[in-house]
Amino acid sequence: MNKRQRIAQVVLNIMVIAELFISMYFARKDPGNFTPVFFKYLFSMIIPTLILGRIVIKRFRTKETRPETPDYITEEKIEENKVVKDLTEEFSAVARDIKKPKILTGGDIQLDQISKWKGLAGKTASLLLIIVVISLIDSCQAKFRQPIDVLDVIPGASAGINGQLSEKVQSIEDLTYVSSSELIEFTITELYSGFWFGVPGWSGLLKISPDIKQGEYSLKVMPKAQKAPVSQKPPFVFRIKVHKDNFSLLQSSTSFIKRYSGVSPWWIIAFFSPMTIFALFIVFLLSKKMEYLMAKGGEAEVFWIKAGTAACEIAFGLGTKHGVKPGDRLTVFNKSGQPIARVEVQKSSETDSVAIAGFDSGVRAGYIVSIK
């Protein structure tokens, strides 16, 4: 993967995480439909982002690696077979005398250290990303499992709640409520239209007295003046489950993370997402440093491959400024440090080159090309 592709990949990751937070922001404005609202905004943003990101990354790859002249592989079949055969014979003759690249033998202390730090940063970023994804999944499944008409609280607690109305009203003053206990105080704060088909709803603040006993209570919100009582839907009834203490409250949580750690999964997402972005940025910087040191020593990773009928093209980060020019023959090593093929450079820019290799050479992305 070249420089432009790496930058595009980092920007894409940051955009996806930012869209996650934006979706959370809008979803919290409609707590009763948190999950559908969250996925509505997330998918509407993330799908175009991923499609656009794929196109951009592919375009950057094509722009830097494809020759401007007609394709060598598709136009000169006879000459191609001769070159491939010549490369195979040459590799068989010199394979024993080829030295392993420094990146694979540990011959460069600075490169070894950067490689170790890059591996550690990559593993850290992967771990943080897994934590974020697991927390997101846990939060979503908890929201699906939690009934919309149930609230779990402890004595002395306050909580915001919302529910649906059987009919539209003009203002908050047109609503009233009935509670099964005088120790439950409720204040209606807002009217709104729901996510699904604009169903009218209400939001309010619930206050539980410290003197209330453990048990289940009910709260009913309804218009003061009800219309068409025969055909009207019954008023929304909210069930309030009062638990003895915080431990009992946590055990009732539908979120596995919150049940066993006491921390909301959304707080974990908010805490670890910036750390994930930072870790990915560190991986990017270390990758660029590694590429620079490798190229300085005449080595680079294969970041693009296209198979042909009798041969394949590969692209790598060595160009004219590193002493590579068309016609040069270089060696490719696998990740174990074993030489596997010779390749012939067909086209070179200042920083990158395209070379031809045998179809059965076994060259893969991530393998090392060495000038030496």
Protein backbone atom coordinates (compact mmCIF):
# COMPACT_ATOMS: atom_id res chain seq x y z
CA MET A 1 0.00 0.00 0.00
CA ASN A 2 1.48 3.34 -1.07
CA LYS A 3 1.55 6.67 0.77
CA ARG A 4 -1.67 8.04 -0.68
CA GLN A 5 -3.52 4.83 0.06
CA ARG A 6 -2.35 4.83 3.69
CA ILE A 7 -3.45 8.44 4.19
CA ALA A 8 -6.83 7.67 2.62
CA GLN A 9 -7.22 4.62 4.87
CA VAL A 10 -6.48 6.64 8.05
CA VAL A 11 -8.94 9.38 6.97
CA LEU A 12 -11.56 6.70 6.24
CA ASN A 13 -11.15 5.18 9.73
CA ILE A 14 -11.48 8.60 11.38
CA MET A 15 -14.61 9.39 9.34
CA VAL A 16 -16.25 6.08 10.34
CA ILE A 17 -15.60 6.70 14.04
CA ALA A 18 -16.85 10.30 13.71
CA GLU A 19 -20.04 9.04 12.06
CA LEU A 20 -20.49 6.67 14.98
CA PHE A 21 -20.48 9.59 17.41
CA ILE A 22 -22.80 11.66 15.19
CA SER A 23 -25.28 8.77 15.10
CA MET A 24 -25.12 8.50 18.90
CA TYR A 25 -25.78 12.25 19.21
CA PHE A 26 -28.95 12.18 17.11
CA ALA A 27 -30.15 8.91 18.66
CA ARG A 28 -30.00 10.36 22.17
CA LYS A 29 -32.47 13.03 21.09
CA ASP A 30 -35.12 10.30 20.76
CA PRO A 31 -34.46 7.87 23.66
CA GLY A 32 -37.56 5.84 23.00
CA ASN A 33 -36.33 4.92 19.53
CA PHE A 34 -32.63 5.05 20.28
CA THR A 35 -31.59 1.94 18.35
CA PRO A 36 -33.54 2.51 15.08
CA VAL A 37 -32.52 6.18 15.01
CA PHE A 38 -28.89 5.22 15.64
CA PHE A 39 -28.81 2.68 12.82
CA LYS A 40 -30.72 5.01 10.49
CA TYR A 41 -28.08 7.74 10.74
CA LEU A 42 -25.12 5.32 10.96
CA PHE A 43 -26.00 3.33 7.83
CA SER A 44 -27.03 6.41 5.85
CA MET A 45 -23.54 7.87 6.44
CA ILE A 46 -21.25 4.85 6.68
CA ILE A 47 -22.36 3.04 3.48
CA PRO A 48 -21.57 5.99 1.15
CA THR A 49 -18.34 6.61 3.09
CA LEU A 50 -17.12 3.03 2.64
CA ILE A 51 -18.03 3.00 -1.06
CA LEU A 52 -16.32 6.34 -1.66
CA GLY A 53 -13.30 5.22 0.40
CA ARG A 54 -12.91 2.06 -1.66
CA ILE A 55 -13.08 4.05 -4.91
CA VAL A 56 -10.54 6.62 -3.69
CA ILE A 57 -8.07 4.00 -2.42
CA LYS A 58 -8.36 2.04 -5.66
CA ARG A 59 -7.90 5.21 -7.72
CA PHE A 60 -4.76 6.17 -5.81
CA ARG A 61 -3.38 2.68 -6.40
CA THR A 62 -4.10 2.82 -10.12
CA LYS A 63 -2.71 6.31 -10.51
CA GLU A 64 0.66 5.48 -9.00
CA THR A 65 1.22 1.96 -10.24
CA ARG A 66 -0.30 1.58 -13.68
CA PRO A 67 1.94 2.36 -16.66
CA GLU A 68 0.98 5.27 -18.90
CA THR A 69 2.07 3.29 -21.96
CA PRO A 70 0.14 0.23 -23.32
CA ASP A 71 0.14 -2.80 -21.04
CA TYR A 72 3.27 -4.87 -21.50
CA ILE A 73 1.58 -8.07 -20.42
CA THR A 74 -1.33 -7.95 -22.85
CA GLU A 75 0.53 -6.79 -25.99
CA GLU A 76 3.79 -8.73 -26.26
CA LYS A 77 3.01 -12.35 -25.44
CA ILE A 78 5.99 -13.90 -27.18
CA GLU A 79 8.54 -11.54 -25.64
CA GLU A 80 6.83 -11.94 -22.27
CA ASN A 81 7.32 -15.71 -22.29
CA LYS A 82 11.00 -15.23 -23.13
CA VAL A 83 11.46 -12.78 -20.25
CA VAL A 84 9.68 -15.05 -17.77
CA LYS A 85 11.74 -18.03 -18.85
CA ASP A 86 14.93 -15.98 -18.61
CA LEU A 87 13.99 -14.77 -15.12
CA THR A 88 13.30 -18.33 -13.98
CA GLU A 89 16.65 -19.57 -15.25
CA GLU A 90 18.49 -16.63 -13.71
CA PHE A 91 16.83 -17.16 -10.34
CA SER A 92 17.81 -20.83 -10.32
CA ALA A 93 21.43 -19.85 -11.00
CA VAL A 94 21.80 -17.14 -8.34
CA ALA A 95 19.30 -18.19 -5.62
CA ARG A 96 21.99 -19.66 -3.34
CA ASP A 97 24.08 -16.47 -3.33
CA ILE A 98 21.24 -14.04 -2.59
CA LYS A 99 21.36 -12.42 0.84
CA LYS A 100 18.23 -11.86 2.92
CA PRO A 101 16.90 -8.29 3.34
CA LYS A 102 17.71 -6.47 6.58
CA ILE A 103 14.02 -6.18 7.49
CA LEU A 104 13.85 -9.99 7.59
CA THR A 105 17.25 -10.72 9.12
CA GLY A 106 17.37 -8.06 11.84
CA GLY A 107 20.46 -6.44 10.38
CA ASP A 108 19.30 -2.88 11.09
CA ILE A 109 18.77 -2.00 14.77
CA GLN A 110 16.69 1.10 14.07
CA LEU A 111 14.50 -0.73 11.57
CA ASP A 112 14.04 -3.63 14.01
CA GLN A 113 12.92 -1.28 16.78
CA ILE A 114 10.45 0.55 14.55
CA SER A 115 9.11 -2.78 13.29
CA LYS A 116 8.54 -3.97 16.86
CA TRP A 117 6.84 -0.70 17.85
CA LYS A 118 4.68 -0.85 14.73
CA GLY A 119 3.63 -4.41 15.55
CA LEU A 120 2.79 -3.40 19.13
CA ALA A 121 0.84 -0.33 17.97
CA GLY A 122 -1.03 -2.44 15.41
CA LYS A 123 -2.01 -5.02 18.02
CA THR A 124 -3.07 -2.23 20.39
CA ALA A 125 -5.20 -0.60 17.71
CA SER A 126 -6.81 -3.95 16.89
CA LEU A 127 -7.55 -4.62 20.57
CA LEU A 128 -9.05 -1.16 21.08
CA LEU A 129 -11.16 -1.53 17.96
CA ILE A 130 -12.44 -4.90 19.18
CA ILE A 131 -13.39 -3.31 22.52
CA VAL A 132 -15.28 -0.52 20.73
CA VAL A 133 -17.12 -2.95 18.45
CA ILE A 134 -18.04 -5.30 21.33
CA SER A 135 -19.29 -2.33 23.38
CA LEU A 136 -21.37 -1.13 20.44
CA ILE A 137 -22.90 -4.57 19.92
CA ASP A 138 -23.59 -4.94 23.66
CA SER A 139 -25.27 -1.53 23.82
CA CYS A 140 -27.47 -2.25 20.81
CA GLN A 141 -28.56 -5.68 22.02
CA ALA A 142 -29.27 -4.21 25.47
CA LYS A 143 -31.52 -1.58 23.91
CA PHE A 144 -33.39 -4.25 21.93
CA ARG A 145 -33.89 -6.42 25.03
CA GLN A 146 -34.97 -3.57 27.30
CA PRO A 147 -38.78 -3.04 27.13
CA ILE A 148 -39.62 0.57 26.27
CA ASP A 149 -42.22 0.75 29.05
CA VAL A 150 -39.90 -0.36 31.90
CA LEU A 151 -37.54 1.76 34.00
CA ASP A 152 -35.21 0.31 36.65
CA VAL A 153 -34.28 2.70 39.48
CA ILE A 154 -33.28 2.83 43.14
CA PRO A 155 -34.82 4.95 45.95
CA GLY A 156 -33.86 8.62 45.70
CA ALA A 157 -33.01 8.45 41.99
CA SER A 158 -34.06 10.81 39.19
CA ALA A 159 -34.39 9.79 35.55
CA GLY A 160 -35.64 11.10 32.25
CA ILE A 161 -38.34 8.99 30.61
CA ASN A 162 -40.48 9.23 27.50
CA GLY A 163 -43.52 7.48 26.07
CA GLN A 164 -46.23 7.59 23.42
CA LEU A 165 -49.57 9.38 23.41
CA SER A 166 -52.85 7.93 22.21
CA GLU A 167 -53.70 11.26 20.52
CA LYS A 168 -52.08 14.60 19.73
CA VAL A 169 -52.30 17.48 22.18
CA GLN A 170 -51.42 21.15 21.73
CA SER A 171 -49.24 21.72 24.78
CA ILE A 172 -47.83 20.17 27.95
CA GLU A 173 -50.66 21.72 29.94
CA ASP A 174 -53.11 19.45 28.10
CA LEU A 175 -51.52 16.34 29.72
CA THR A 176 -51.88 14.79 33.13
CA TYR A 177 -50.52 11.69 34.83
CA VAL A 178 -51.57 9.12 37.39
CA SER A 179 -49.03 7.31 39.58
CA SER A 180 -49.56 4.21 41.72
CA SER A 181 -47.54 5.82 44.53
CA GLU A 182 -47.42 9.30 46.03
CA LEU A 183 -43.66 8.85 46.46
CA ILE A 184 -43.19 9.10 42.70
CA GLU A 185 -43.06 12.66 41.34
CA PHE A 186 -43.26 13.32 37.61
CA THR A 187 -42.82 16.48 35.52
CA ILE A 188 -43.62 16.58 31.79
CA THR A 189 -40.97 18.63 29.99
CA GLU A 190 -41.51 18.16 26.24
CA LEU A 191 -43.80 16.98 23.45
CA TYR A 192 -42.40 15.48 20.24
CA SER A 193 -43.21 13.39 17.17
CA GLY A 194 -41.78 9.87 17.26
CA PHE A 195 -39.37 8.26 14.80
CA TRP A 196 -41.97 5.82 13.46
CA PHE A 197 -44.73 7.54 11.41
CA GLY A 198 -44.59 10.68 13.58
CA VAL A 199 -46.43 9.07 16.53
CA PRO A 200 -46.88 11.78 19.22
CA GLY A 201 -44.95 11.32 22.43
CA TRP A 202 -43.83 12.98 25.62
CA SER A 203 -40.64 13.35 27.66
CA GLY A 204 -40.40 14.06 31.34
CA LEU A 205 -38.38 13.92 34.55
CA LEU A 206 -39.13 11.25 37.13
CA LYS A 207 -38.12 11.66 40.78
CA ILE A 208 -38.25 8.75 43.21
CA SER A 209 -38.53 9.44 46.92
CA PRO A 210 -35.78 7.95 49.15
CA ASP A 211 -38.56 6.53 51.36
CA ILE A 212 -40.13 4.37 48.66
CA LYS A 213 -40.06 0.58 49.13
CA GLN A 214 -38.68 -1.99 46.74
CA GLY A 215 -41.24 -3.15 44.19
CA GLU A 216 -42.96 -2.34 40.90
CA TYR A 217 -45.03 0.81 40.36
CA SER A 218 -46.90 2.30 37.44
CA LEU A 219 -47.15 5.71 35.83
CA LYS A 220 -49.86 6.60 33.31
CA VAL A 221 -49.67 9.73 31.12
CA MET A 222 -52.79 10.83 29.23
CA PRO A 223 -54.59 13.89 27.83
CA LYS A 224 -56.75 15.76 30.30
CA ALA A 225 -59.64 15.90 27.82
CA GLN A 226 -59.85 12.58 25.98
CA LYS A 227 -61.47 12.38 22.55
CA ALA A 228 -63.56 9.53 21.13
CA PRO A 229 -63.30 7.31 24.22
CA VAL A 230 -64.80 4.30 22.44
CA SER A 231 -62.22 3.97 19.65
CA GLN A 232 -59.28 5.56 21.47
CA LYS A 233 -56.16 3.52 22.31
CA PRO A 234 -55.49 2.97 26.01
CA PRO A 235 -53.05 5.41 27.66
CA PHE A 236 -49.37 4.49 27.77
CA VAL A 237 -48.51 2.85 31.11
CA PHE A 238 -44.92 3.07 32.34
CA ARG A 239 -43.68 0.38 34.74
CA ILE A 240 -41.19 1.57 37.33
CA LYS A 241 -39.13 -1.15 39.04
CA VAL A 242 -37.56 0.09 42.26
CA HIS A 243 -34.54 -1.98 43.36
CA LYS A 244 -33.07 -2.26 46.81
CA ASP A 245 -29.58 -0.93 46.00
CA ASN A 246 -27.09 -0.30 43.19
CA PHE A 247 -25.95 -3.91 43.08
CA SER A 248 -29.50 -5.13 42.54
CA LEU A 249 -29.96 -2.43 39.90
CA LEU A 250 -26.85 -3.53 37.98
CA GLN A 251 -27.96 -7.16 38.03
CA SER A 252 -31.17 -6.16 36.26
CA SER A 253 -29.31 -4.45 33.40
CA THR A 254 -29.73 -5.97 29.93
CA SER A 255 -26.19 -4.84 29.08
CA PHE A 256 -23.62 -7.52 29.95
CA ILE A 257 -20.86 -4.92 30.23
CA LYS A 258 -22.80 -2.72 32.62
CA ARG A 259 -24.03 -5.69 34.64
CA TYR A 260 -20.53 -6.96 35.42
CA SER A 261 -18.48 -3.76 35.36
CA GLY A 262 -20.93 -1.07 36.39
CA VAL A 263 -19.92 1.07 33.39
CA SER A 264 -22.21 1.93 30.50
CA PRO A 265 -20.95 0.56 27.14
CA TRP A 266 -21.44 4.01 25.62
CA TRP A 267 -18.89 5.45 28.04
CA ILE A 268 -16.47 2.72 26.96
CA ILE A 269 -17.06 3.63 23.30
CA ALA A 270 -16.52 7.33 24.03
CA PHE A 271 -13.30 6.58 25.96
CA PHE A 272 -11.68 4.04 23.64
CA SER A 273 -12.62 5.52 20.24
CA PRO A 274 -10.14 8.46 20.46
CA MET A 275 -7.48 6.02 21.68
CA THR A 276 -8.18 3.81 18.65
CA ILE A 277 -7.76 6.76 16.29
CA PHE A 278 -4.49 7.71 18.01
CA ALA A 279 -3.17 4.14 17.77
CA LEU A 280 -4.02 3.98 14.06
CA PHE A 281 -2.23 7.29 13.54
CA ILE A 282 0.87 5.92 15.30
CA VAL A 283 0.79 2.84 13.05
CA PHE A 284 0.62 5.13 10.02
CA LEU A 285 3.62 7.21 11.16
CA LEU A 286 5.70 4.13 11.97
CA SER A 287 4.78 2.57 8.63
CA LYS A 288 6.01 5.67 6.81
CA LYS A 289 9.25 5.61 8.81
CA MET A 290 9.73 1.92 8.01
CA GLU A 291 9.11 2.52 4.32
CA TYR A 292 11.68 5.32 4.31
CA LEU A 293 14.37 3.24 6.05
CA MET A 294 13.66 0.18 3.89
CA ALA A 295 13.80 2.20 0.67
CA LYS A 296 17.01 3.84 1.85
CA GLY A 297 18.49 0.35 2.19
CA GLY A 298 17.15 -0.76 -1.21
CA GLU A 299 14.11 -2.70 0.04
CA ALA A 300 10.32 -2.28 -0.27
CA GLU A 301 7.09 -4.21 0.18
CA VAL A 302 4.97 -5.40 -2.74
CA PHE A 303 1.70 -3.46 -2.43
CA TRP A 304 -0.09 -4.35 -5.69
CA ILE A 305 -0.33 -7.43 -7.93
CA LYS A 306 -2.14 -8.14 -11.19
CA ALA A 307 -2.09 -11.62 -12.69
CA GLY A 308 -1.75 -12.14 -16.44
CA THR A 309 -1.87 -15.21 -18.65
CA ALA A 310 1.77 -16.26 -18.32
CA ALA A 311 3.10 -13.63 -15.91
CA CYS A 312 2.02 -11.09 -13.34
CA GLU A 313 2.75 -7.45 -12.63
CA ILE A 314 3.76 -6.22 -9.20
CA ALA A 315 4.23 -2.72 -7.80
CA PHE A 316 6.57 -1.68 -4.96
CA GLY A 317 7.94 1.48 -3.36
CA LEU A 318 11.32 1.76 -5.06
CA GLY A 319 11.82 4.25 -7.88
CA THR A 320 14.38 6.24 -9.80
CA LYS A 321 15.51 8.15 -6.73
CA HIS A 322 16.50 4.82 -5.20
CA GLY A 323 18.45 3.79 -8.31
CA VAL A 324 15.76 1.58 -9.87
CA LYS A 325 15.13 1.90 -13.62
CA PRO A 326 13.37 -0.10 -16.35
CA GLY A 327 15.28 -3.25 -17.25
CA ASP A 328 16.68 -3.81 -13.75
CA ARG A 329 16.27 -7.29 -12.31
CA LEU A 330 15.51 -7.54 -8.60
CA THR A 331 14.83 -10.32 -6.10
CA VAL A 332 11.59 -10.97 -4.19
CA PHE A 333 11.65 -12.56 -0.72
CA ASN A 334 8.77 -14.12 1.20
CA LYS A 335 8.03 -13.22 4.81
CA SER A 336 10.35 -15.97 6.05
CA GLY A 337 13.28 -14.36 4.24
CA GLN A 338 13.52 -16.98 1.49
CA PRO A 339 14.17 -15.74 -2.08
CA ILE A 340 11.30 -16.90 -4.30
CA ALA A 341 11.65 -15.07 -7.63
CA ARG A 342 13.47 -12.62 -9.85
CA VAL A 343 11.49 -9.75 -11.40
CA GLU A 344 12.24 -7.33 -14.22
CA VAL A 345 11.30 -3.65 -13.86
CA GLN A 346 9.04 -2.41 -16.69
CA LYS A 347 8.30 1.13 -15.55
CA SER A 348 9.60 3.43 -12.80
CA SER A 349 8.47 6.72 -11.32
CA GLU A 350 10.45 8.68 -8.77
CA THR A 351 9.15 6.63 -5.83
CA ASP A 352 7.48 3.49 -7.28
CA SER A 353 8.05 0.82 -9.91
CA VAL A 354 6.11 -1.83 -11.80
CA ALA A 355 7.85 -5.12 -12.56
CA ILE A 356 7.02 -8.40 -14.27
CA ALA A 357 7.26 -11.79 -12.54
CA GLY A 358 6.44 -15.36 -13.50
CA PHE A 359 2.82 -16.42 -13.07
CA ASP A 360 3.86 -19.32 -10.81
CA SER A 361 6.52 -17.35 -8.93
CA GLY A 362 4.41 -17.21 -5.76
CA VAL A 363 4.80 -13.45 -5.23
CA ARG A 364 2.26 -12.04 -2.75
CA ALA A 365 1.40 -8.60 -1.39
CA GLY A 366 3.62 -7.83 1.59
CA TYR A 367 6.64 -9.72 0.22
CA ILE A 368 9.94 -7.83 0.06
CA VAL A 369 11.66 -6.62 -3.11
CA SER A 370 15.39 -5.99 -2.73
CA ILE A 371 17.80 -4.16 -5.02
CA LYS A 372 20.66 -6.20 -3.61
